[in-house]
Amino acid sequence: MNPGAPELSGQDLTGQGVVVTGAGRGIGAALARAFAAAGARVVVNDLDAAAAAAVAKECGGVAAPGDAAGEQGLAALVGQAREALGEIDVWCANAGVAPTGGADAPAAAWALAWEVNVLAHVRAADLLLPRWLERGSGRFVATVSAAGLLTSLGSAPYAVSKHGALAFAEWLAATYRHRGLRVHAVCPQGVRTDMLSSTGAMGEILLAPTAIEAEEVAGAVLAGLREERFLILPHPEVAEYYTHRATDPDRWLGGMNKLQRALEKGGTA
C-alpha cells in the first residue's frame, strides 16, 4: 500500500474523483447529482452527448460523452477522466441495456447485453486496478439490478448478464478487499426511468407498483458507501426474496413460474 495515497472514506466524499457511466438520465444522472452534492468532483459519461453535457452543467461536473463498454471507448473515457480529476477514486459502472426475449432472442441482443452489462465492468476494472492497487484504495460501484440476485421474467439476456455483473463484483471484492478495493453491487427492482418504460406491459405489471425514483436509488448508494456494504438494496424486500431463493430454490422457482403463468394469462399471481 502506498502510504501517501488518500484514504477512501465512505463518510466523506469531498474532493473525491467520481466517474458515472450512463449518467445522461435515470439512475446515472441521479448518482452524478448525489455525488456532486456530497462534495465529489464528477465526470458524467453517456452515449448521448447532449444529455451528458446537461447533467454535467447541472451538477458542476465534466461531460465525457462516448462508449463506456468497448475497449477503445473505455480507454478514452478513463484517460479523459484522469485528465479532469487527476485520479479516479470511485467508478460507477452504471450504463446498462435491457433487451427482451428468451432463448430465441437475436444473437445481437445477447452480445449487446454481455458487452454492456458485464464486459464493460471487466474492462473498466482492468484499466483501474493497477493504480488502485498501487495506492491501496479505490471504489467500484456496479449497478446490477435485483435481476442479478433473482431473475427477470421476460428477458433472459438481461437476467443472465446481470447475474454475470453480480458475479464479477463478488469476485472483485473477494480478491482485492485486503488491498484497499471496496466494491458495491446496487440491486434495485423497478425504478421510474426510461428503461422501465421500455419494458412494456410486463414491466408495468411486475415492477411499476413498487417502483421508486432514481433519486431514492442514489440516496441508498451513498448510504451503502457510508456503511461499507457490498450489497445495496434500495428495495429492502429483495433481501427476503434472495433468502428464499437461496434456502429453498425449488419453492422459489415454483413461485416464479406461477407468476409467469399468470402473466401469460394477462393477470397477476
C-alpha atoms as a PDB file:
ATOM      1  CA  MET A   1       0.000   0.000   0.000  1.00  0.00           C
ATOM      2  CA  ASN A   2       1.219   3.466  -0.840  1.00  0.00           C
ATOM      3  CA  PRO A   3       1.285   5.403   2.480  1.00  0.00           C
ATOM      4  CA  GLY A   4       0.762   8.640   0.577  1.00  0.00           C
ATOM      5  CA  ALA A   5      -2.475   7.515  -1.057  1.00  0.00           C
ATOM      6  CA  PRO A   6      -5.677   9.248   0.063  1.00  0.00           C
ATOM      7  CA  GLU A   7      -7.952   7.097   2.211  1.00  0.00           C
ATOM      8  CA  LEU A   8     -11.278   6.482   0.568  1.00  0.00           C
ATOM      9  CA  SER A   9     -13.878   7.188   3.215  1.00  0.00           C
ATOM     10  CA  GLY A  10     -17.498   6.299   2.739  1.00  0.00           C
ATOM     11  CA  GLN A  11     -18.205   9.004   5.308  1.00  0.00           C
ATOM     12  CA  ASP A  12     -16.692  11.858   3.298  1.00  0.00           C
ATOM     13  CA  LEU A  13     -16.764  12.170  -0.480  1.00  0.00           C
ATOM     14  CA  THR A  14     -15.458  15.731  -0.508  1.00  0.00           C
ATOM     15  CA  GLY A  15     -12.948  16.205  -3.311  1.00  0.00           C
ATOM     16  CA  GLN A  16     -13.055  12.609  -4.487  1.00  0.00           C
ATOM     17  CA  GLY A  17     -12.977  11.964  -8.215  1.00  0.00           C
ATOM     18  CA  VAL A  18     -16.052  10.056  -9.368  1.00  0.00           C
ATOM     19  CA  VAL A  19     -16.950   8.718 -12.816  1.00  0.00           C
ATOM     20  CA  VAL A  20     -20.553   7.713 -13.555  1.00  0.00           C
ATOM     21  CA  THR A  21     -21.276   5.891 -16.812  1.00  0.00           C
ATOM     22  CA  GLY A  22     -24.713   6.050 -18.412  1.00  0.00           C
ATOM     23  CA  ALA A  23     -25.292   9.279 -16.474  1.00  0.00           C
ATOM     24  CA  GLY A  24     -27.283  11.234 -19.003  1.00  0.00           C
ATOM     25  CA  ARG A  25     -30.574  10.242 -17.407  1.00  0.00           C
ATOM     26  CA  GLY A  26     -32.162   7.888 -14.887  1.00  0.00           C
ATOM     27  CA  ILE A  27     -30.129   6.307 -12.110  1.00  0.00           C
ATOM     28  CA  GLY A  28     -26.842   7.543 -13.568  1.00  0.00           C
ATOM     29  CA  ALA A  29     -27.943  11.177 -13.598  1.00  0.00           C
ATOM     30  CA  ALA A  30     -29.245  10.839 -10.042  1.00  0.00           C
ATOM     31  CA  LEU A  31     -25.915   9.349  -8.950  1.00  0.00           C
ATOM     32  CA  ALA A  32     -23.966  12.175 -10.579  1.00  0.00           C
ATOM     33  CA  ARG A  33     -26.095  14.771  -8.794  1.00  0.00           C
ATOM     34  CA  ALA A  34     -25.875  12.971  -5.449  1.00  0.00           C
ATOM     35  CA  PHE A  35     -22.097  12.597  -5.575  1.00  0.00           C
ATOM     36  CA  ALA A  36     -21.698  16.239  -6.579  1.00  0.00           C
ATOM     37  CA  ALA A  37     -23.993  17.349  -3.742  1.00  0.00           C
ATOM     38  CA  ALA A  38     -21.788  15.321  -1.372  1.00  0.00           C
ATOM     39  CA  GLY A  39     -18.741  17.302  -2.495  1.00  0.00           C
ATOM     40  CA  ALA A  40     -17.268  14.965  -5.085  1.00  0.00           C
ATOM     41  CA  ARG A  41     -15.821  16.023  -8.442  1.00  0.00           C
ATOM     42  CA  VAL A  42     -17.845  14.205 -11.068  1.00  0.00           C
ATOM     43  CA  VAL A  43     -17.263  13.086 -14.647  1.00  0.00           C
ATOM     44  CA  VAL A  44     -20.557  12.444 -16.433  1.00  0.00           C
ATOM     45  CA  ASN A  45     -20.463   9.840 -19.199  1.00  0.00           C
ATOM     46  CA  ASP A  46     -23.220   8.919 -21.628  1.00  0.00           C
ATOM     47  CA  LEU A  47     -23.560   7.918 -25.268  1.00  0.00           C
ATOM     48  CA  ASP A  48     -25.910  10.896 -25.621  1.00  0.00           C
ATOM     49  CA  ALA A  49     -23.506  13.846 -25.658  1.00  0.00           C
ATOM     50  CA  ALA A  50     -26.222  16.442 -25.121  1.00  0.00           C
ATOM     51  CA  ALA A  51     -27.632  14.566 -22.123  1.00  0.00           C
ATOM     52  CA  ALA A  52     -24.168  14.168 -20.589  1.00  0.00           C
ATOM     53  CA  ALA A  53     -23.477  17.879 -21.055  1.00  0.00           C
ATOM     54  CA  ALA A  54     -26.797  18.863 -19.476  1.00  0.00           C
ATOM     55  CA  VAL A  55     -26.248  16.736 -16.366  1.00  0.00           C
ATOM     56  CA  ALA A  56     -22.633  17.865 -16.053  1.00  0.00           C
ATOM     57  CA  LYS A  57     -23.702  21.509 -16.220  1.00  0.00           C
ATOM     58  CA  GLU A  58     -26.380  20.904 -13.624  1.00  0.00           C
ATOM     59  CA  CYS A  59     -24.016  19.299 -11.108  1.00  0.00           C
ATOM     60  CA  GLY A  60     -20.864  21.260 -11.871  1.00  0.00           C
ATOM     61  CA  GLY A  61     -19.164  18.226 -13.367  1.00  0.00           C
ATOM     62  CA  VAL A  62     -17.281  17.412 -16.557  1.00  0.00           C
ATOM     63  CA  ALA A  63     -19.062  15.829 -19.517  1.00  0.00           C
ATOM     64  CA  ALA A  64     -17.278  12.882 -21.138  1.00  0.00           C
ATOM     65  CA  PRO A  65     -19.628  11.516 -23.795  1.00  0.00           C
ATOM     66  CA  GLY A  66     -18.844   8.258 -25.529  1.00  0.00           C
ATOM     67  CA  ASP A  67     -18.868   4.486 -25.363  1.00  0.00           C
ATOM     68  CA  ALA A  68     -18.334   3.059 -21.859  1.00  0.00           C
ATOM     69  CA  ALA A  69     -18.336  -0.588 -22.919  1.00  0.00           C
ATOM     70  CA  GLY A  70     -15.871  -1.183 -25.762  1.00  0.00           C
ATOM     71  CA  GLU A  71     -12.130  -1.354 -25.178  1.00  0.00           C
ATOM     72  CA  GLN A  72     -11.268   1.818 -27.102  1.00  0.00           C
ATOM     73  CA  GLY A  73     -14.168   3.809 -25.688  1.00  0.00           C
ATOM     74  CA  LEU A  74     -13.344   2.822 -22.113  1.00  0.00           C
ATOM     75  CA  ALA A  75      -9.660   3.616 -22.537  1.00  0.00           C
ATOM     76  CA  ALA A  76     -10.590   7.043 -23.879  1.00  0.00           C
ATOM     77  CA  LEU A  77     -13.031   7.643 -21.008  1.00  0.00           C
ATOM     78  CA  VAL A  78     -10.514   6.634 -18.332  1.00  0.00           C
ATOM     79  CA  GLY A  79      -7.913   8.899 -19.915  1.00  0.00           C
ATOM     80  CA  GLN A  80     -10.294  11.855 -20.119  1.00  0.00           C
ATOM     81  CA  ALA A  81     -11.462  11.296 -16.548  1.00  0.00           C
ATOM     82  CA  ARG A  82      -7.909  11.176 -15.214  1.00  0.00           C
ATOM     83  CA  GLU A  83      -7.111  14.373 -17.084  1.00  0.00           C
ATOM     84  CA  ALA A  84     -10.124  16.078 -15.497  1.00  0.00           C
ATOM     85  CA  LEU A  85      -9.856  14.609 -11.998  1.00  0.00           C
ATOM     86  CA  GLY A  86      -6.191  13.840 -11.546  1.00  0.00           C
ATOM     87  CA  GLU A  87      -7.203  10.464 -10.155  1.00  0.00           C
ATOM     88  CA  ILE A  88     -10.326   8.317 -10.234  1.00  0.00           C
ATOM     89  CA  ASP A  89     -11.407   7.406  -6.705  1.00  0.00           C
ATOM     90  CA  VAL A  90     -14.859   5.982  -7.460  1.00  0.00           C
ATOM     91  CA  TRP A  91     -16.029   4.295 -10.652  1.00  0.00           C
ATOM     92  CA  CYS A  92     -19.796   3.846 -11.049  1.00  0.00           C
ATOM     93  CA  ALA A  93     -20.372   1.188 -13.709  1.00  0.00           C
ATOM     94  CA  ASN A  94     -23.967   2.217 -14.263  1.00  0.00           C
ATOM     95  CA  ALA A  95     -24.558   2.033 -18.030  1.00  0.00           C
ATOM     96  CA  GLY A  96     -26.804  -0.887 -18.925  1.00  0.00           C
ATOM     97  CA  VAL A  97     -29.135  -2.317 -21.537  1.00  0.00           C
ATOM     98  CA  ALA A  98     -32.243  -4.481 -21.180  1.00  0.00           C
ATOM     99  CA  PRO A  99     -33.054  -6.364 -24.389  1.00  0.00           C
ATOM    100  CA  THR A 100     -36.178  -8.504 -24.197  1.00  0.00           C
ATOM    101  CA  GLY A 101     -36.664 -12.108 -25.243  1.00  0.00           C
ATOM    102  CA  GLY A 102     -35.710 -15.591 -24.176  1.00  0.00           C
ATOM    103  CA  ALA A 103     -33.530 -18.256 -25.731  1.00  0.00           C
ATOM    104  CA  ASP A 104     -34.914 -17.061 -29.048  1.00  0.00           C
ATOM    105  CA  ALA A 105     -33.579 -13.516 -28.598  1.00  0.00           C
ATOM    106  CA  PRO A 106     -31.324 -12.492 -31.503  1.00  0.00           C
ATOM    107  CA  ALA A 107     -27.614 -13.167 -31.108  1.00  0.00           C
ATOM    108  CA  ALA A 108     -27.041  -9.417 -31.342  1.00  0.00           C
ATOM    109  CA  ALA A 109     -29.224  -8.850 -28.269  1.00  0.00           C
ATOM    110  CA  TRP A 110     -27.270 -11.415 -26.259  1.00  0.00           C
ATOM    111  CA  ALA A 111     -23.976  -9.913 -27.414  1.00  0.00           C
ATOM    112  CA  LEU A 112     -25.055  -6.377 -26.526  1.00  0.00           C
ATOM    113  CA  ALA A 113     -26.231  -7.406 -23.055  1.00  0.00           C
ATOM    114  CA  TRP A 114     -22.950  -9.196 -22.380  1.00  0.00           C
ATOM    115  CA  GLU A 115     -20.863  -6.324 -23.757  1.00  0.00           C
ATOM    116  CA  VAL A 116     -22.558  -3.521 -21.822  1.00  0.00           C
ATOM    117  CA  ASN A 117     -23.760  -5.262 -18.652  1.00  0.00           C
ATOM    118  CA  VAL A 118     -20.689  -7.421 -17.980  1.00  0.00           C
ATOM    119  CA  LEU A 119     -17.630  -6.794 -20.145  1.00  0.00           C
ATOM    120  CA  ALA A 120     -17.808  -3.030 -19.569  1.00  0.00           C
ATOM    121  CA  HIS A 121     -17.261  -3.754 -15.861  1.00  0.00           C
ATOM    122  CA  VAL A 122     -14.419  -6.165 -16.559  1.00  0.00           C
ATOM    123  CA  ARG A 123     -12.649  -3.775 -18.916  1.00  0.00           C
ATOM    124  CA  ALA A 124     -13.042  -0.810 -16.578  1.00  0.00           C
ATOM    125  CA  ALA A 125     -11.598  -2.816 -13.686  1.00  0.00           C
ATOM    126  CA  ASP A 126      -8.683  -3.911 -15.848  1.00  0.00           C
ATOM    127  CA  LEU A 127      -7.812  -0.274 -16.519  1.00  0.00           C
ATOM    128  CA  LEU A 128      -8.399   0.969 -12.974  1.00  0.00           C
ATOM    129  CA  LEU A 129      -6.932  -1.792 -10.808  1.00  0.00           C
ATOM    130  CA  PRO A 130      -3.201  -1.166 -11.366  1.00  0.00           C
ATOM    131  CA  ARG A 131      -3.334   2.357  -9.920  1.00  0.00           C
ATOM    132  CA  TRP A 132      -5.860   1.454  -7.241  1.00  0.00           C
ATOM    133  CA  LEU A 133      -3.777  -1.462  -6.010  1.00  0.00           C
ATOM    134  CA  GLU A 134      -0.583   0.559  -6.141  1.00  0.00           C
ATOM    135  CA  ARG A 135      -2.014   3.269  -3.930  1.00  0.00           C
ATOM    136  CA  GLY A 136      -4.080   0.894  -1.805  1.00  0.00           C
ATOM    137  CA  SER A 137      -7.520   2.410  -2.372  1.00  0.00           C
ATOM    138  CA  GLY A 138     -10.341   2.514  -4.908  1.00  0.00           C
ATOM    139  CA  ARG A 139     -14.070   2.021  -5.068  1.00  0.00           C
ATOM    140  CA  PHE A 140     -16.070   0.178  -7.752  1.00  0.00           C
ATOM    141  CA  VAL A 141     -19.856   0.674  -7.735  1.00  0.00           C
ATOM    142  CA  ALA A 142     -21.769  -1.665 -10.072  1.00  0.00           C
ATOM    143  CA  THR A 143     -25.409  -1.017 -10.912  1.00  0.00           C
ATOM    144  CA  VAL A 144     -26.513  -4.644 -11.084  1.00  0.00           C
ATOM    145  CA  SER A 145     -30.328  -4.725 -10.543  1.00  0.00           C
ATOM    146  CA  ALA A 146     -32.356  -7.170  -8.485  1.00  0.00           C
ATOM    147  CA  ALA A 147     -32.362  -9.278 -11.653  1.00  0.00           C
ATOM    148  CA  GLY A 148     -28.783 -10.206 -10.799  1.00  0.00           C
ATOM    149  CA  LEU A 149     -29.864 -11.607  -7.439  1.00  0.00           C
ATOM    150  CA  LEU A 150     -33.172 -13.091  -8.579  1.00  0.00           C
ATOM    151  CA  THR A 151     -34.127 -13.163 -12.260  1.00  0.00           C
ATOM    152  CA  SER A 152     -36.044 -11.123 -14.809  1.00  0.00           C
ATOM    153  CA  LEU A 153     -39.126 -12.696 -16.351  1.00  0.00           C
ATOM    154  CA  GLY A 154     -39.407 -11.663 -19.977  1.00  0.00           C
ATOM    155  CA  SER A 155     -35.706 -11.010 -20.563  1.00  0.00           C
ATOM    156  CA  ALA A 156     -33.211 -13.830 -20.495  1.00  0.00           C
ATOM    157  CA  PRO A 157     -30.327 -11.672 -21.821  1.00  0.00           C
ATOM    158  CA  TYR A 158     -30.886  -9.131 -19.055  1.00  0.00           C
ATOM    159  CA  ALA A 159     -31.224 -11.717 -16.266  1.00  0.00           C
ATOM    160  CA  VAL A 160     -28.183 -13.712 -17.373  1.00  0.00           C
ATOM    161  CA  SER A 161     -25.915 -10.707 -17.920  1.00  0.00           C
ATOM    162  CA  LYS A 162     -26.916  -9.120 -14.617  1.00  0.00           C
ATOM    163  CA  HIS A 163     -26.060 -12.377 -12.849  1.00  0.00           C
ATOM    164  CA  GLY A 164     -22.683 -12.042 -14.552  1.00  0.00           C
ATOM    165  CA  ALA A 165     -22.294  -8.462 -13.333  1.00  0.00           C
ATOM    166  CA  LEU A 166     -23.001  -9.549  -9.761  1.00  0.00           C
ATOM    167  CA  ALA A 167     -20.577 -12.469 -10.037  1.00  0.00           C
ATOM    168  CA  PHE A 168     -17.802 -10.172 -11.244  1.00  0.00           C
ATOM    169  CA  ALA A 169     -18.459  -7.672  -8.446  1.00  0.00           C
ATOM    170  CA  GLU A 170     -18.305 -10.504  -5.905  1.00  0.00           C
ATOM    171  CA  TRP A 171     -15.045 -11.729  -7.402  1.00  0.00           C
ATOM    172  CA  LEU A 172     -13.503  -8.259  -7.251  1.00  0.00           C
ATOM    173  CA  ALA A 173     -14.472  -7.854  -3.596  1.00  0.00           C
ATOM    174  CA  ALA A 174     -13.256 -11.299  -2.588  1.00  0.00           C
ATOM    175  CA  THR A 175      -9.966 -10.917  -4.440  1.00  0.00           C
ATOM    176  CA  TYR A 176      -8.909  -7.368  -3.613  1.00  0.00           C
ATOM    177  CA  ARG A 177     -10.607  -6.254  -0.400  1.00  0.00           C
ATOM    178  CA  HIS A 178      -7.419  -6.713   1.629  1.00  0.00           C
ATOM    179  CA  ARG A 179      -5.628  -4.448  -0.842  1.00  0.00           C
ATOM    180  CA  GLY A 180      -7.918  -1.477  -0.337  1.00  0.00           C
ATOM    181  CA  LEU A 181     -10.549  -2.048  -3.020  1.00  0.00           C
ATOM    182  CA  ARG A 182     -14.149  -1.516  -1.954  1.00  0.00           C
ATOM    183  CA  VAL A 183     -16.886  -2.935  -4.183  1.00  0.00           C
ATOM    184  CA  HIS A 184     -20.627  -2.285  -4.072  1.00  0.00           C
ATOM    185  CA  ALA A 185     -23.406  -4.034  -6.023  1.00  0.00           C
ATOM    186  CA  VAL A 186     -26.546  -1.907  -6.361  1.00  0.00           C
ATOM    187  CA  CYS A 187     -29.636  -4.084  -6.850  1.00  0.00           C
ATOM    188  CA  PRO A 188     -32.922  -2.159  -7.143  1.00  0.00           C
ATOM    189  CA  GLN A 189     -36.151  -3.550  -8.525  1.00  0.00           C
ATOM    190  CA  GLY A 190     -38.313  -1.164 -10.540  1.00  0.00           C
ATOM    191  CA  VAL A 191     -37.055   2.409 -10.892  1.00  0.00           C
ATOM    192  CA  ARG A 192     -39.039   5.100 -12.681  1.00  0.00           C
ATOM    193  CA  THR A 193     -36.729   5.569 -15.651  1.00  0.00           C
ATOM    194  CA  ASP A 194     -36.865   5.253 -19.427  1.00  0.00           C
ATOM    195  CA  MET A 195     -35.649   1.652 -19.073  1.00  0.00           C
ATOM    196  CA  LEU A 196     -38.713   0.740 -17.013  1.00  0.00           C
ATOM    197  CA  SER A 197     -40.978   2.425 -19.542  1.00  0.00           C
ATOM    198  CA  SER A 198     -39.405   0.375 -22.327  1.00  0.00           C
ATOM    199  CA  THR A 199     -40.357  -2.932 -20.687  1.00  0.00           C
ATOM    200  CA  GLY A 200     -43.997  -2.510 -21.695  1.00  0.00           C
ATOM    201  CA  ALA A 201     -46.894  -4.402 -20.151  1.00  0.00           C
ATOM    202  CA  MET A 202     -44.749  -6.944 -18.306  1.00  0.00           C
ATOM    203  CA  GLY A 203     -42.722  -4.218 -16.617  1.00  0.00           C
ATOM    204  CA  GLU A 204     -45.903  -2.374 -15.753  1.00  0.00           C
ATOM    205  CA  ILE A 205     -47.309  -5.470 -14.026  1.00  0.00           C
ATOM    206  CA  LEU A 206     -44.135  -6.714 -12.347  1.00  0.00           C
ATOM    207  CA  LEU A 207     -42.195  -3.575 -11.448  1.00  0.00           C
ATOM    208  CA  ALA A 208     -44.280  -0.422 -11.672  1.00  0.00           C
ATOM    209  CA  PRO A 209     -46.364  -0.982  -8.492  1.00  0.00           C
ATOM    210  CA  THR A 210     -43.278  -0.836  -6.256  1.00  0.00           C
ATOM    211  CA  ALA A 211     -41.109   1.375  -8.464  1.00  0.00           C
ATOM    212  CA  ILE A 212     -39.100   4.126  -6.781  1.00  0.00           C
ATOM    213  CA  GLU A 213     -37.476   7.302  -8.051  1.00  0.00           C
ATOM    214  CA  ALA A 214     -33.891   7.323  -9.291  1.00  0.00           C
ATOM    215  CA  GLU A 215     -33.026   9.784  -6.527  1.00  0.00           C
ATOM    216  CA  GLU A 216     -34.000   7.155  -3.942  1.00  0.00           C
ATOM    217  CA  VAL A 217     -31.545   4.736  -5.516  1.00  0.00           C
ATOM    218  CA  ALA A 218     -28.796   7.368  -5.383  1.00  0.00           C
ATOM    219  CA  GLY A 219     -29.578   8.011  -1.722  1.00  0.00           C
ATOM    220  CA  ALA A 220     -29.333   4.296  -0.987  1.00  0.00           C
ATOM    221  CA  VAL A 221     -25.982   4.153  -2.781  1.00  0.00           C
ATOM    222  CA  LEU A 222     -24.462   6.937  -0.694  1.00  0.00           C
ATOM    223  CA  ALA A 223     -25.806   5.291   2.463  1.00  0.00           C
ATOM    224  CA  GLY A 224     -24.298   1.968   1.346  1.00  0.00           C
ATOM    225  CA  LEU A 225     -20.916   3.603   0.804  1.00  0.00           C
ATOM    226  CA  ARG A 226     -21.053   5.186   4.257  1.00  0.00           C
ATOM    227  CA  GLU A 227     -21.826   1.798   5.796  1.00  0.00           C
ATOM    228  CA  GLU A 228     -19.299  -0.036   3.587  1.00  0.00           C
ATOM    229  CA  ARG A 229     -21.952  -2.520   2.425  1.00  0.00           C
ATOM    230  CA  PHE A 230     -21.263  -4.712  -0.591  1.00  0.00           C
ATOM    231  CA  LEU A 231     -24.934  -5.341  -1.349  1.00  0.00           C
ATOM    232  CA  ILE A 232     -27.025  -2.182  -1.668  1.00  0.00           C
ATOM    233  CA  LEU A 233     -30.774  -2.865  -1.804  1.00  0.00           C
ATOM    234  CA  PRO A 234     -32.909   0.225  -2.475  1.00  0.00           C
ATOM    235  CA  HIS A 235     -35.894  -2.154  -2.217  1.00  0.00           C
ATOM    236  CA  PRO A 236     -35.275  -3.846   1.187  1.00  0.00           C
ATOM    237  CA  GLU A 237     -37.744  -6.647   0.408  1.00  0.00           C
ATOM    238  CA  VAL A 238     -35.263  -8.006  -2.149  1.00  0.00           C
ATOM    239  CA  ALA A 239     -33.206  -9.363   0.761  1.00  0.00           C
ATOM    240  CA  GLU A 240     -36.134 -11.589   1.758  1.00  0.00           C
ATOM    241  CA  TYR A 241     -36.644 -12.783  -1.828  1.00  0.00           C
ATOM    242  CA  TYR A 242     -32.923 -13.526  -2.101  1.00  0.00           C
ATOM    243  CA  THR A 243     -33.029 -15.523   1.128  1.00  0.00           C
ATOM    244  CA  HIS A 244     -35.960 -17.610  -0.139  1.00  0.00           C
ATOM    245  CA  ARG A 245     -34.145 -18.224  -3.416  1.00  0.00           C
ATOM    246  CA  ALA A 246     -31.024 -19.422  -1.598  1.00  0.00           C
ATOM    247  CA  THR A 247     -32.650 -21.553   1.101  1.00  0.00           C
ATOM    248  CA  ASP A 248     -35.487 -23.165  -0.863  1.00  0.00           C
ATOM    249  CA  PRO A 249     -34.781 -22.781  -4.591  1.00  0.00           C
ATOM    250  CA  ASP A 250     -37.419 -25.266  -5.728  1.00  0.00           C
ATOM    251  CA  ARG A 251     -40.176 -23.439  -3.878  1.00  0.00           C
ATOM    252  CA  TRP A 252     -38.863 -20.095  -5.134  1.00  0.00           C
ATOM    253  CA  LEU A 253     -38.749 -21.308  -8.738  1.00  0.00           C
ATOM    254  CA  GLY A 254     -42.268 -22.670  -8.356  1.00  0.00           C
ATOM    255  CA  GLY A 255     -43.448 -19.272  -7.216  1.00  0.00           C
ATOM    256  CA  MET A 256     -41.722 -17.544 -10.119  1.00  0.00           C
ATOM    257  CA  ASN A 257     -43.266 -19.985 -12.571  1.00  0.00           C
ATOM    258  CA  LYS A 258     -46.684 -19.347 -11.036  1.00  0.00           C
ATOM    259  CA  LEU A 259     -46.127 -15.650 -11.688  1.00  0.00           C
ATOM    260  CA  GLN A 260     -45.030 -16.397 -15.266  1.00  0.00           C
ATOM    261  CA  ARG A 261     -48.207 -18.419 -15.905  1.00  0.00           C
ATOM    262  CA  ALA A 262     -50.329 -15.620 -14.503  1.00  0.00           C
ATOM    263  CA  LEU A 263     -48.597 -13.100 -16.745  1.00  0.00           C
ATOM    264  CA  GLU A 264     -49.239 -15.286 -19.766  1.00  0.00           C
ATOM    265  CA  LYS A 265     -52.930 -15.268 -18.878  1.00  0.00           C
ATOM    266  CA  GLY A 266     -52.845 -11.494 -18.725  1.00  0.00           C
ATOM    267  CA  GLY A 267     -53.260 -11.181 -14.966  1.00  0.00           C
ATOM    268  CA  THR A 268     -51.211 -11.319 -11.797  1.00  0.00           C
ATOM    269  CA  ALA A 269     -50.416 -14.118  -9.390  1.00  0.00           C
END
